[in-house]
Amino acid sequence: MSEYDSMTVAELKELLKDAGLPVSGKKADLIARLEEAEVHDDDVEDEIVDEEEEDDFDDYDDDEDWDDDEEYFHVAKQKPVLDDATKSALEARKVQRKNQPKFRRQEWFRYRRLSRTGWRKPKGLQSSQRLNRKYRSPMARVGYGKVAAARDLHPSGFEEVLVHRPEDLDGIDPSVQAARVGGTVGGRKRVLIHERADELGIRVLNRRRGI
């Protein structure tokens, strides 16, 4: 008699769910499934222990495999050189963005495809949003403009420069400007742009992982 015989069907199903096994069948089927999973786990653990022991002997037999002089370097992202006025303007813009309402497209609540799109100016002679009636989303107006000193700047403080070729990086000042690779640039040319940017010390704002 195993330990599973004294358990209820609900308890057996919970164990099967935790192990990622099917929960269908009678109680005898559930018990057999759990016992089979236990045997399989024991075999796997024995194989892992044997492999680890073999690896230990293989790794420590030869001291030449160890390189104590190996060093690992972490290259941080480039930071812009900003004056006090620009820093204060960026902070002020951040506060303004927190207080700014979310601009939604007209009738975004009625059609799901409109809720996923960006802002569009409402048109129509009797448009409730254009007429600024109650319970309508606010429209983007001149009064929602941000600090002029921080206009068109990346949140990090860099001035963005759109590049499509490695040659476009030559005229960039890495202290105040950063590169943004165009969306139509292919993978091979993107790798060349990243390599050239690393040589010049230029930060790529939309750098992809693994490139």
N, C-alpha and C. Protein backbone atom coordinates (compact mmCIF):
# COMPACT_ATOMS: atom_id res chain seq x y z
N MET A 1 0.85 -1.20 0.00
CA MET A 1 0.00 0.00 0.00
C MET A 1 0.88 1.24 0.00
N SER A 2 0.66 2.12 -0.95
CA SER A 2 1.49 3.32 -1.07
C SER A 2 0.85 4.47 -0.29
N GLU A 3 1.61 5.56 -0.21
CA GLU A 3 1.12 6.72 0.53
C GLU A 3 -0.04 7.41 -0.17
N TYR A 4 -0.21 7.16 -1.47
CA TYR A 4 -1.26 7.82 -2.23
C TYR A 4 -2.64 7.18 -2.00
N ASP A 5 -2.68 5.93 -1.47
CA ASP A 5 -3.96 5.25 -1.31
C ASP A 5 -4.85 5.92 -0.27
N SER A 6 -4.22 6.54 0.71
CA SER A 6 -5.00 7.19 1.77
C SER A 6 -5.44 8.61 1.41
N MET A 7 -5.02 9.10 0.25
CA MET A 7 -5.35 10.47 -0.16
C MET A 7 -6.63 10.48 -0.97
N THR A 8 -7.31 11.61 -1.00
CA THR A 8 -8.53 11.75 -1.78
C THR A 8 -8.19 12.07 -3.23
N VAL A 9 -9.24 11.97 -4.07
CA VAL A 9 -9.03 12.25 -5.50
C VAL A 9 -8.64 13.71 -5.71
N ALA A 10 -9.23 14.62 -4.94
CA ALA A 10 -8.91 16.05 -5.07
C ALA A 10 -7.44 16.31 -4.73
N GLU A 11 -6.96 15.65 -3.67
CA GLU A 11 -5.55 15.83 -3.29
C GLU A 11 -4.61 15.26 -4.35
N LEU A 12 -4.99 14.12 -4.91
CA LEU A 12 -4.16 13.53 -5.98
C LEU A 12 -4.12 14.43 -7.20
N LYS A 13 -5.23 15.04 -7.53
CA LYS A 13 -5.26 15.94 -8.69
C LYS A 13 -4.41 17.18 -8.45
N GLU A 14 -4.37 17.66 -7.20
CA GLU A 14 -3.51 18.81 -6.90
C GLU A 14 -2.04 18.46 -7.11
N LEU A 15 -1.66 17.25 -6.68
CA LEU A 15 -0.27 16.81 -6.89
C LEU A 15 0.04 16.68 -8.37
N LEU A 16 -0.90 16.18 -9.13
CA LEU A 16 -0.69 16.05 -10.58
C LEU A 16 -0.58 17.41 -11.25
N LYS A 17 -1.38 18.36 -10.81
CA LYS A 17 -1.31 19.71 -11.37
C LYS A 17 0.05 20.34 -11.09
N ASP A 18 0.55 20.17 -9.87
CA ASP A 18 1.86 20.73 -9.53
C ASP A 18 2.97 20.10 -10.36
N ALA A 19 2.80 18.80 -10.69
CA ALA A 19 3.82 18.12 -11.49
C ALA A 19 3.64 18.32 -12.97
N GLY A 20 2.55 19.00 -13.38
CA GLY A 20 2.31 19.24 -14.80
C GLY A 20 1.82 18.01 -15.53
N LEU A 21 1.10 17.12 -14.84
CA LEU A 21 0.61 15.88 -15.43
C LEU A 21 -0.90 15.95 -15.61
N PRO A 22 -1.47 15.10 -16.48
CA PRO A 22 -2.93 15.09 -16.68
C PRO A 22 -3.65 14.67 -15.41
N VAL A 23 -4.86 15.19 -15.23
CA VAL A 23 -5.64 14.91 -14.02
C VAL A 23 -6.89 14.10 -14.33
N SER A 24 -7.00 13.56 -15.51
CA SER A 24 -8.19 12.79 -15.88
C SER A 24 -8.01 11.32 -15.49
N GLY A 25 -9.12 10.62 -15.30
CA GLY A 25 -9.08 9.20 -14.99
C GLY A 25 -9.57 8.90 -13.59
N LYS A 26 -9.59 7.59 -13.26
CA LYS A 26 -10.01 7.15 -11.95
C LYS A 26 -8.88 7.30 -10.94
N LYS A 27 -9.20 7.00 -9.68
CA LYS A 27 -8.21 7.16 -8.62
C LYS A 27 -7.01 6.24 -8.84
N ALA A 28 -7.26 5.02 -9.31
CA ALA A 28 -6.15 4.09 -9.56
C ALA A 28 -5.24 4.63 -10.66
N ASP A 29 -5.84 5.24 -11.67
CA ASP A 29 -5.03 5.82 -12.75
C ASP A 29 -4.19 6.98 -12.24
N LEU A 30 -4.76 7.81 -11.37
CA LEU A 30 -4.02 8.94 -10.82
C LEU A 30 -2.83 8.47 -9.99
N ILE A 31 -3.06 7.42 -9.17
CA ILE A 31 -1.97 6.90 -8.33
C ILE A 31 -0.87 6.32 -9.19
N ALA A 32 -1.25 5.57 -10.23
CA ALA A 32 -0.24 4.98 -11.11
C ALA A 32 0.57 6.06 -11.83
N ARG A 33 -0.10 7.13 -12.20
CA ARG A 33 0.60 8.22 -12.89
C ARG A 33 1.61 8.90 -11.97
N LEU A 34 1.24 9.09 -10.70
CA LEU A 34 2.16 9.72 -9.75
C LEU A 34 3.34 8.82 -9.44
N GLU A 35 3.09 7.52 -9.27
CA GLU A 35 4.18 6.59 -8.98
C GLU A 35 5.14 6.50 -10.17
N GLU A 36 4.61 6.51 -11.37
CA GLU A 36 5.47 6.47 -12.55
C GLU A 36 6.32 7.73 -12.66
N ALA A 37 5.73 8.86 -12.29
CA ALA A 37 6.49 10.12 -12.34
C ALA A 37 7.61 10.11 -11.30
N GLU A 38 7.38 9.51 -10.14
CA GLU A 38 8.41 9.43 -9.10
C GLU A 38 9.59 8.59 -9.56
N VAL A 39 9.30 7.45 -10.19
CA VAL A 39 10.38 6.59 -10.69
C VAL A 39 11.19 7.31 -11.74
N HIS A 40 10.52 8.04 -12.61
CA HIS A 40 11.23 8.78 -13.66
C HIS A 40 12.12 9.87 -13.06
N ASP A 41 11.61 10.58 -12.03
CA ASP A 41 12.41 11.64 -11.41
C ASP A 41 13.64 11.07 -10.73
N ASP A 42 13.51 9.90 -10.09
CA ASP A 42 14.66 9.30 -9.43
C ASP A 42 15.74 8.92 -10.43
N ASP A 43 15.32 8.38 -11.59
CA ASP A 43 16.30 8.02 -12.62
C ASP A 43 17.01 9.24 -13.15
N VAL A 44 16.28 10.34 -13.34
CA VAL A 44 16.89 11.56 -13.86
C VAL A 44 17.88 12.14 -12.86
N GLU A 45 17.53 12.10 -11.55
CA GLU A 45 18.45 12.62 -10.54
C GLU A 45 19.74 11.81 -10.48
N ASP A 46 19.61 10.47 -10.61
CA ASP A 46 20.82 9.64 -10.60
C ASP A 46 21.71 9.96 -11.78
N GLU A 47 21.11 10.19 -12.96
CA GLU A 47 21.91 10.54 -14.13
C GLU A 47 22.60 11.88 -13.95
N ILE A 48 21.91 12.85 -13.35
CA ILE A 48 22.51 14.17 -13.14
C ILE A 48 23.68 14.09 -12.19
N VAL A 49 23.52 13.29 -11.10
CA VAL A 49 24.61 13.14 -10.13
C VAL A 49 25.82 12.49 -10.77
N ASP A 50 25.61 11.45 -11.59
CA ASP A 50 26.73 10.80 -12.27
C ASP A 50 27.43 11.75 -13.22
N GLU A 51 26.67 12.57 -13.96
CA GLU A 51 27.28 13.51 -14.88
C GLU A 51 28.08 14.57 -14.14
N GLU A 52 27.56 15.04 -12.98
CA GLU A 52 28.28 16.05 -12.22
C GLU A 52 29.60 15.51 -11.67
N GLU A 53 29.58 14.23 -11.22
CA GLU A 53 30.81 13.65 -10.72
C GLU A 53 31.84 13.51 -11.83
N GLU A 54 31.38 13.11 -13.04
CA GLU A 54 32.31 12.99 -14.16
C GLU A 54 32.86 14.35 -14.54
N ASP A 55 32.01 15.36 -14.54
CA ASP A 55 32.47 16.70 -14.89
C ASP A 55 33.46 17.22 -13.88
N ASP A 56 33.26 16.90 -12.59
CA ASP A 56 34.19 17.36 -11.57
C ASP A 56 35.58 16.79 -11.81
N PHE A 57 35.65 15.49 -12.13
CA PHE A 57 36.95 14.90 -12.38
C PHE A 57 37.58 15.47 -13.64
N ASP A 58 36.77 15.72 -14.66
CA ASP A 58 37.31 16.24 -15.91
C ASP A 58 37.80 17.66 -15.75
N ASP A 59 37.12 18.47 -14.94
CA ASP A 59 37.47 19.88 -14.83
C ASP A 59 38.70 20.11 -13.98
N TYR A 60 38.88 19.33 -12.92
CA TYR A 60 39.92 19.63 -11.96
C TYR A 60 41.22 18.84 -12.21
N ASP A 61 41.23 17.99 -13.24
CA ASP A 61 42.45 17.25 -13.50
C ASP A 61 43.56 18.14 -14.02
N ASP A 62 43.21 19.13 -14.83
CA ASP A 62 44.21 19.95 -15.50
C ASP A 62 44.07 21.37 -15.01
N ASP A 63 45.12 21.91 -14.42
CA ASP A 63 45.10 23.28 -13.91
C ASP A 63 45.23 24.31 -15.02
N GLU A 64 45.62 23.90 -16.22
CA GLU A 64 45.82 24.87 -17.29
C GLU A 64 44.52 25.43 -17.81
N ASP A 65 43.39 24.78 -17.45
CA ASP A 65 42.10 25.29 -17.92
C ASP A 65 41.69 26.55 -17.19
N TRP A 66 42.30 26.86 -16.06
CA TRP A 66 41.92 28.02 -15.28
C TRP A 66 42.76 29.21 -15.68
N ASP A 67 42.12 30.35 -15.86
CA ASP A 67 42.80 31.59 -16.22
C ASP A 67 42.48 32.62 -15.16
N ASP A 68 43.41 32.81 -14.21
CA ASP A 68 43.16 33.75 -13.13
C ASP A 68 43.27 35.20 -13.58
N ASP A 69 43.92 35.44 -14.72
CA ASP A 69 44.12 36.81 -15.18
C ASP A 69 42.95 37.32 -16.01
N GLU A 70 41.95 36.48 -16.24
CA GLU A 70 40.82 36.90 -17.09
C GLU A 70 39.99 37.94 -16.36
N GLU A 71 39.64 39.02 -17.05
CA GLU A 71 38.87 40.10 -16.47
C GLU A 71 37.62 40.33 -17.31
N TYR A 72 36.58 40.79 -16.64
CA TYR A 72 35.33 41.07 -17.32
C TYR A 72 35.03 42.56 -17.16
N PHE A 73 34.69 43.19 -18.26
CA PHE A 73 34.45 44.62 -18.27
C PHE A 73 32.98 44.87 -18.57
N HIS A 74 32.42 45.85 -17.89
CA HIS A 74 31.05 46.27 -18.13
C HIS A 74 31.07 47.67 -18.75
N VAL A 75 30.54 47.77 -19.95
CA VAL A 75 30.52 49.04 -20.66
C VAL A 75 29.17 49.70 -20.40
N ALA A 76 29.17 50.79 -19.67
CA ALA A 76 27.93 51.50 -19.35
C ALA A 76 27.48 52.32 -20.54
N LYS A 77 26.21 52.67 -20.55
CA LYS A 77 25.68 53.51 -21.62
C LYS A 77 26.23 54.92 -21.49
N GLN A 78 26.48 55.52 -22.62
CA GLN A 78 27.03 56.87 -22.60
C GLN A 78 26.01 57.84 -22.01
N LYS A 79 26.53 58.79 -21.27
CA LYS A 79 25.70 59.83 -20.66
C LYS A 79 25.98 61.16 -21.36
N PRO A 80 24.96 61.99 -21.54
CA PRO A 80 25.19 63.28 -22.20
C PRO A 80 25.82 64.29 -21.24
N VAL A 81 26.49 65.23 -21.82
CA VAL A 81 27.07 66.34 -21.05
C VAL A 81 26.06 67.48 -21.08
N LEU A 82 25.39 67.70 -19.96
CA LEU A 82 24.31 68.69 -19.90
C LEU A 82 24.65 69.79 -18.92
N ASP A 83 24.21 71.00 -19.25
CA ASP A 83 24.37 72.11 -18.32
C ASP A 83 23.21 72.13 -17.34
N ASP A 84 23.28 72.99 -16.36
CA ASP A 84 22.26 73.04 -15.31
C ASP A 84 20.90 73.46 -15.86
N ALA A 85 20.90 74.34 -16.85
CA ALA A 85 19.63 74.80 -17.41
C ALA A 85 18.90 73.66 -18.12
N THR A 86 19.64 72.85 -18.87
CA THR A 86 19.01 71.72 -19.58
C THR A 86 18.51 70.67 -18.60
N LYS A 87 19.28 70.42 -17.53
CA LYS A 87 18.83 69.45 -16.53
C LYS A 87 17.54 69.88 -15.85
N SER A 88 17.47 71.15 -15.50
CA SER A 88 16.24 71.65 -14.87
C SER A 88 15.07 71.62 -15.85
N ALA A 89 15.34 71.87 -17.14
CA ALA A 89 14.27 71.81 -18.14
C ALA A 89 13.76 70.39 -18.31
N LEU A 90 14.65 69.40 -18.27
CA LEU A 90 14.22 68.01 -18.37
C LEU A 90 13.37 67.60 -17.16
N GLU A 91 13.76 68.06 -15.98
CA GLU A 91 12.97 67.76 -14.79
C GLU A 91 11.60 68.40 -14.86
N ALA A 92 11.56 69.64 -15.33
CA ALA A 92 10.27 70.32 -15.46
C ALA A 92 9.38 69.63 -16.49
N ARG A 93 9.97 69.15 -17.58
CA ARG A 93 9.18 68.45 -18.59
C ARG A 93 8.62 67.13 -18.04
N LYS A 94 9.41 66.46 -17.20
CA LYS A 94 8.94 65.21 -16.60
C LYS A 94 7.72 65.47 -15.72
N VAL A 95 7.75 66.55 -14.96
CA VAL A 95 6.61 66.88 -14.11
C VAL A 95 5.39 67.23 -14.96
N GLN A 96 5.62 67.96 -16.05
CA GLN A 96 4.51 68.33 -16.92
C GLN A 96 3.85 67.10 -17.55
N ARG A 97 4.66 66.12 -17.92
CA ARG A 97 4.10 64.92 -18.55
C ARG A 97 3.27 64.10 -17.56
N LYS A 98 3.63 64.12 -16.30
CA LYS A 98 2.84 63.40 -15.31
C LYS A 98 1.46 64.04 -15.13
N ASN A 99 1.39 65.34 -15.24
CA ASN A 99 0.12 66.05 -15.06
C ASN A 99 -0.69 66.14 -16.35
N GLN A 100 -0.14 65.70 -17.46
CA GLN A 100 -0.83 65.82 -18.75
C GLN A 100 -1.85 64.70 -18.91
N PRO A 101 -3.06 64.99 -19.34
CA PRO A 101 -4.05 63.92 -19.55
C PRO A 101 -3.69 63.09 -20.77
N LYS A 102 -4.28 61.92 -20.85
CA LYS A 102 -4.03 61.03 -21.98
C LYS A 102 -4.98 61.40 -23.12
N PHE A 103 -4.40 61.77 -24.24
CA PHE A 103 -5.21 62.17 -25.39
C PHE A 103 -5.66 60.92 -26.13
N ARG A 104 -6.96 60.78 -26.31
CA ARG A 104 -7.53 59.62 -26.98
C ARG A 104 -8.25 60.05 -28.25
N ARG A 105 -8.32 59.11 -29.16
CA ARG A 105 -8.99 59.39 -30.42
C ARG A 105 -10.51 59.44 -30.23
N GLN A 106 -11.13 60.15 -31.11
CA GLN A 106 -12.58 60.31 -31.02
C GLN A 106 -13.29 58.96 -31.09
N GLU A 107 -14.21 58.72 -30.15
CA GLU A 107 -14.99 57.48 -30.05
C GLU A 107 -14.08 56.27 -29.84
N TRP A 108 -13.01 56.46 -29.07
CA TRP A 108 -12.11 55.35 -28.77
C TRP A 108 -12.80 54.26 -27.95
N PHE A 109 -13.82 54.66 -27.17
CA PHE A 109 -14.52 53.72 -26.31
C PHE A 109 -15.50 52.84 -27.08
N ARG A 110 -15.81 53.20 -28.31
CA ARG A 110 -16.81 52.47 -29.09
C ARG A 110 -16.19 51.41 -29.97
N TYR A 111 -15.02 51.69 -30.51
CA TYR A 111 -14.36 50.76 -31.42
C TYR A 111 -12.97 50.42 -30.88
N ARG A 112 -12.70 49.13 -30.78
CA ARG A 112 -11.43 48.70 -30.21
C ARG A 112 -10.26 49.13 -31.09
N ARG A 113 -10.43 49.15 -32.39
CA ARG A 113 -9.33 49.53 -33.29
C ARG A 113 -8.95 50.99 -33.09
N LEU A 114 -9.90 51.83 -32.68
CA LEU A 114 -9.58 53.23 -32.43
C LEU A 114 -8.86 53.41 -31.10
N SER A 115 -9.12 52.53 -30.14
CA SER A 115 -8.44 52.65 -28.85
C SER A 115 -6.97 52.29 -28.95
N ARG A 116 -6.58 51.54 -30.00
CA ARG A 116 -5.19 51.15 -30.16
C ARG A 116 -4.40 52.13 -31.01
N THR A 117 -5.06 53.09 -31.61
CA THR A 117 -4.37 54.06 -32.46
C THR A 117 -4.04 55.32 -31.66
N GLY A 118 -3.20 56.14 -32.23
CA GLY A 118 -2.79 57.36 -31.56
C GLY A 118 -3.80 58.48 -31.72
N TRP A 119 -3.38 59.65 -31.29
CA TRP A 119 -4.26 60.82 -31.32
C TRP A 119 -4.53 61.27 -32.74
N ARG A 120 -5.78 61.62 -33.01
CA ARG A 120 -6.19 62.22 -34.29
C ARG A 120 -7.10 63.40 -33.97
N LYS A 121 -6.92 64.45 -34.70
CA LYS A 121 -7.74 65.63 -34.48
C LYS A 121 -9.19 65.34 -34.84
N PRO A 122 -10.14 65.59 -33.93
CA PRO A 122 -11.55 65.30 -34.24
C PRO A 122 -12.09 66.24 -35.31
N LYS A 123 -12.83 65.67 -36.23
CA LYS A 123 -13.43 66.45 -37.30
C LYS A 123 -14.92 66.15 -37.34
N GLY A 124 -15.64 66.96 -38.01
CA GLY A 124 -17.09 66.80 -38.05
C GLY A 124 -17.77 68.00 -37.45
N LEU A 125 -18.81 68.45 -38.11
CA LEU A 125 -19.51 69.65 -37.68
C LEU A 125 -20.12 69.49 -36.29
N GLN A 126 -20.63 68.31 -35.99
CA GLN A 126 -21.29 68.07 -34.71
C GLN A 126 -20.47 67.14 -33.81
N SER A 127 -19.19 67.11 -33.98
CA SER A 127 -18.34 66.27 -33.15
C SER A 127 -18.36 66.77 -31.70
N SER A 128 -18.72 65.89 -30.78
CA SER A 128 -18.78 66.28 -29.37
C SER A 128 -17.40 66.60 -28.82
N GLN A 129 -16.40 65.87 -29.26
CA GLN A 129 -15.05 66.14 -28.76
C GLN A 129 -14.53 67.46 -29.32
N ARG A 130 -14.81 67.73 -30.59
CA ARG A 130 -14.36 69.00 -31.18
C ARG A 130 -15.04 70.18 -30.54
N LEU A 131 -16.31 70.01 -30.16
CA LEU A 131 -17.06 71.08 -29.51
C LEU A 131 -16.77 71.17 -28.02
N ASN A 132 -15.93 70.28 -27.53
CA ASN A 132 -15.48 70.31 -26.13
C ASN A 132 -16.65 70.17 -25.16
N ARG A 133 -17.52 69.19 -25.44
CA ARG A 133 -18.65 68.95 -24.57
C ARG A 133 -18.22 68.13 -23.35
N LYS A 134 -19.12 68.01 -22.40
CA LYS A 134 -18.79 67.31 -21.17
C LYS A 134 -18.57 65.82 -21.43
N TYR A 135 -17.78 65.21 -20.52
CA TYR A 135 -17.52 63.78 -20.53
C TYR A 135 -16.85 63.33 -21.83
N ARG A 136 -16.10 64.21 -22.46
CA ARG A 136 -15.34 63.85 -23.64
C ARG A 136 -13.85 63.99 -23.34
N SER A 137 -13.04 63.19 -24.00
CA SER A 137 -11.60 63.24 -23.76
C SER A 137 -11.06 64.60 -24.19
N PRO A 138 -10.06 65.12 -23.49
CA PRO A 138 -9.50 66.43 -23.87
C PRO A 138 -8.74 66.34 -25.19
N MET A 139 -8.69 67.45 -25.88
CA MET A 139 -7.98 67.52 -27.15
C MET A 139 -6.58 68.09 -26.92
N ALA A 140 -5.66 67.72 -27.81
CA ALA A 140 -4.31 68.26 -27.75
C ALA A 140 -4.35 69.72 -28.22
N ARG A 141 -3.89 70.61 -27.36
CA ARG A 141 -3.94 72.04 -27.66
C ARG A 141 -2.58 72.66 -27.41
N VAL A 142 -2.49 73.93 -27.77
CA VAL A 142 -1.23 74.65 -27.61
C VAL A 142 -0.84 74.74 -26.15
N GLY A 143 -1.80 74.82 -25.26
CA GLY A 143 -1.50 74.98 -23.85
C GLY A 143 -0.82 73.79 -23.20
N TYR A 144 -0.84 72.62 -23.87
CA TYR A 144 -0.19 71.43 -23.33
C TYR A 144 1.27 71.33 -23.76
N GLY A 145 1.81 72.33 -24.37
CA GLY A 145 3.21 72.30 -24.79
C GLY A 145 4.16 72.22 -23.61
N LYS A 146 5.35 71.64 -23.84
CA LYS A 146 6.33 71.44 -22.79
C LYS A 146 7.37 72.56 -22.82
N VAL A 147 8.35 72.42 -21.93
CA VAL A 147 9.42 73.41 -21.83
C VAL A 147 10.17 73.47 -23.16
N ALA A 148 10.36 74.67 -23.67
CA ALA A 148 11.00 74.81 -24.97
C ALA A 148 12.46 74.38 -24.96
N ALA A 149 13.14 74.55 -23.83
CA ALA A 149 14.56 74.19 -23.76
C ALA A 149 14.77 72.69 -23.86
N ALA A 150 13.77 71.88 -23.50
CA ALA A 150 13.89 70.42 -23.55
C ALA A 150 13.13 69.81 -24.71
N ARG A 151 12.71 70.63 -25.64
CA ARG A 151 11.91 70.14 -26.76
C ARG A 151 12.78 69.27 -27.68
N ASP A 152 12.20 68.15 -28.14
CA ASP A 152 12.85 67.21 -29.07
C ASP A 152 14.06 66.51 -28.45
N LEU A 153 14.18 66.53 -27.14
CA LEU A 153 15.28 65.83 -26.48
C LEU A 153 14.81 64.48 -25.95
N HIS A 154 15.70 63.50 -26.01
CA HIS A 154 15.42 62.19 -25.44
C HIS A 154 15.33 62.32 -23.92
N PRO A 155 14.58 61.44 -23.23
CA PRO A 155 14.51 61.53 -21.77
C PRO A 155 15.88 61.50 -21.09
N SER A 156 16.88 60.89 -21.72
CA SER A 156 18.22 60.89 -21.14
C SER A 156 18.91 62.23 -21.30
N GLY A 157 18.42 63.10 -22.19
CA GLY A 157 19.03 64.40 -22.44
C GLY A 157 19.73 64.49 -23.76
N PHE A 158 19.85 63.38 -24.50
CA PHE A 158 20.51 63.40 -25.80
C PHE A 158 19.61 64.02 -26.86
N GLU A 159 20.25 64.63 -27.83
CA GLU A 159 19.56 65.07 -29.04
C GLU A 159 19.59 63.92 -30.04
N GLU A 160 18.43 63.46 -30.48
CA GLU A 160 18.36 62.30 -31.35
C GLU A 160 18.71 62.67 -32.79
N VAL A 161 19.51 61.79 -33.41
CA VAL A 161 19.90 61.94 -34.81
C VAL A 161 19.55 60.64 -35.53
N LEU A 162 18.71 60.72 -36.53
CA LEU A 162 18.29 59.53 -37.28
C LEU A 162 19.38 59.14 -38.28
N VAL A 163 19.79 57.87 -38.25
CA VAL A 163 20.84 57.38 -39.14
C VAL A 163 20.32 56.17 -39.90
N HIS A 164 20.81 56.04 -41.13
CA HIS A 164 20.46 54.90 -41.98
C HIS A 164 21.70 54.18 -42.52
N ARG A 165 22.86 54.78 -42.36
CA ARG A 165 24.11 54.19 -42.84
C ARG A 165 25.20 54.42 -41.80
N PRO A 166 26.25 53.62 -41.82
CA PRO A 166 27.36 53.88 -40.89
C PRO A 166 28.01 55.23 -41.12
N GLU A 167 27.97 55.74 -42.35
CA GLU A 167 28.58 57.04 -42.66
C GLU A 167 27.84 58.19 -41.99
N ASP A 168 26.57 57.98 -41.64
CA ASP A 168 25.80 59.05 -41.01
C ASP A 168 26.26 59.34 -39.58
N LEU A 169 27.06 58.45 -39.00
CA LEU A 169 27.53 58.64 -37.63
C LEU A 169 28.72 59.58 -37.53
N ASP A 170 29.34 59.90 -38.66
CA ASP A 170 30.58 60.68 -38.62
C ASP A 170 30.35 62.11 -38.12
N GLY A 171 29.19 62.66 -38.37
CA GLY A 171 28.95 64.04 -37.98
C GLY A 171 28.26 64.20 -36.64
N ILE A 172 28.20 63.14 -35.83
CA ILE A 172 27.50 63.18 -34.55
C ILE A 172 28.48 63.51 -33.43
N ASP A 173 28.06 64.40 -32.54
CA ASP A 173 28.85 64.74 -31.36
C ASP A 173 28.41 63.82 -30.22
N PRO A 174 29.24 62.86 -29.80
CA PRO A 174 28.80 61.88 -28.79
C PRO A 174 28.53 62.48 -27.42
N SER A 175 28.94 63.71 -27.17
CA SER A 175 28.71 64.29 -25.85
C SER A 175 27.30 64.82 -25.68
N VAL A 176 26.64 65.21 -26.77
CA VAL A 176 25.29 65.77 -26.67
C VAL A 176 24.30 65.11 -27.62
N GLN A 177 24.77 64.29 -28.55
CA GLN A 177 23.90 63.68 -29.54
C GLN A 177 23.98 62.16 -29.46
N ALA A 178 22.87 61.50 -29.80
CA ALA A 178 22.79 60.04 -29.84
C ALA A 178 22.11 59.62 -31.13
N ALA A 179 22.41 58.41 -31.57
CA ALA A 179 21.89 57.91 -32.85
C ALA A 179 20.65 57.07 -32.63
N ARG A 180 19.74 57.19 -33.58
CA ARG A 180 18.56 56.32 -33.62
C ARG A 180 18.50 55.71 -35.02
N VAL A 181 18.60 54.39 -35.09
CA VAL A 181 18.62 53.69 -36.36
C VAL A 181 17.23 53.70 -36.97
N GLY A 182 17.15 53.98 -38.26
CA GLY A 182 15.87 54.02 -38.94
C GLY A 182 15.17 52.68 -38.95
N GLY A 183 13.87 52.70 -38.99
CA GLY A 183 13.10 51.46 -38.94
C GLY A 183 13.22 50.62 -40.19
N THR A 184 13.62 51.20 -41.31
CA THR A 184 13.73 50.45 -42.55
C THR A 184 15.12 49.84 -42.76
N VAL A 185 16.03 50.04 -41.81
CA VAL A 185 17.38 49.51 -41.93
C VAL A 185 17.36 48.01 -41.66
N GLY A 186 18.05 47.24 -42.51
CA GLY A 186 18.11 45.80 -42.36
C GLY A 186 19.05 45.36 -41.26
N GLY A 187 19.05 44.06 -41.01
CA GLY A 187 19.86 43.52 -39.91
C GLY A 187 21.35 43.65 -40.15
N ARG A 188 21.82 43.37 -41.36
CA ARG A 188 23.26 43.43 -41.64
C ARG A 188 23.80 44.85 -41.51
N LYS A 189 23.07 45.78 -42.09
CA LYS A 189 23.54 47.17 -42.00
C LYS A 189 23.42 47.69 -40.57
N ARG A 190 22.45 47.20 -39.84
CA ARG A 190 22.31 47.61 -38.44
C ARG A 190 23.52 47.17 -37.62
N VAL A 191 24.04 45.98 -37.90
CA VAL A 191 25.24 45.51 -37.21
C VAL A 191 26.42 46.42 -37.51
N LEU A 192 26.56 46.83 -38.77
CA LEU A 192 27.65 47.74 -39.13
C LEU A 192 27.51 49.08 -38.43
N ILE A 193 26.28 49.56 -38.30
CA ILE A 193 26.05 50.84 -37.62
C ILE A 193 26.42 50.72 -36.14
N HIS A 194 26.05 49.60 -35.52
CA HIS A 194 26.38 49.41 -34.11
C HIS A 194 27.89 49.32 -33.90
N GLU A 195 28.58 48.62 -34.79
CA GLU A 195 30.03 48.52 -34.65
C GLU A 195 30.70 49.87 -34.83
N ARG A 196 30.24 50.64 -35.80
CA ARG A 196 30.82 51.97 -36.02
C ARG A 196 30.51 52.89 -34.85
N ALA A 197 29.32 52.77 -34.28
CA ALA A 197 28.96 53.59 -33.12
C ALA A 197 29.83 53.25 -31.92
N ASP A 198 30.16 51.98 -31.75
CA ASP A 198 31.03 51.60 -30.64
C ASP A 198 32.43 52.17 -30.82
N GLU A 199 32.90 52.23 -32.06
CA GLU A 199 34.22 52.80 -32.32
C GLU A 199 34.26 54.29 -32.00
N LEU A 200 33.19 55.00 -32.34
CA LEU A 200 33.14 56.45 -32.12
C LEU A 200 32.64 56.82 -30.73
N GLY A 201 32.18 55.85 -29.94
CA GLY A 201 31.66 56.14 -28.61
C GLY A 201 30.30 56.81 -28.64
N ILE A 202 29.48 56.46 -29.62
CA ILE A 202 28.15 57.06 -29.79
C ILE A 202 27.11 56.09 -29.26
N ARG A 203 26.17 56.62 -28.53
CA ARG A 203 25.10 55.78 -27.99
C ARG A 203 24.00 55.60 -29.03
N VAL A 204 23.54 54.34 -29.16
CA VAL A 204 22.42 54.01 -30.05
C VAL A 204 21.18 53.83 -29.17
N LEU A 205 20.20 54.66 -29.36
CA LEU A 205 19.03 54.68 -28.47
C LEU A 205 18.14 53.46 -28.65
N ASN A 206 17.99 52.97 -29.86
CA ASN A 206 17.12 51.82 -30.12
C ASN A 206 17.94 50.59 -30.48
N ARG A 207 18.97 50.34 -29.70
CA ARG A 207 19.83 49.18 -29.95
C ARG A 207 19.10 47.90 -29.57
N ARG A 208 19.21 46.91 -30.42
CA ARG A 208 18.54 45.65 -30.18
C ARG A 208 19.44 44.71 -29.40
N ARG A 209 18.81 43.80 -28.66
CA ARG A 209 19.58 42.85 -27.87
C ARG A 209 20.28 41.85 -28.78
N GLY A 210 21.47 41.51 -28.41
CA GLY A 210 22.25 40.54 -29.17
C GLY A 210 22.96 41.11 -30.37
N ILE A 211 22.85 42.44 -30.61
CA ILE A 211 23.54 43.07 -31.74
C ILE A 211 24.51 44.09 -31.20
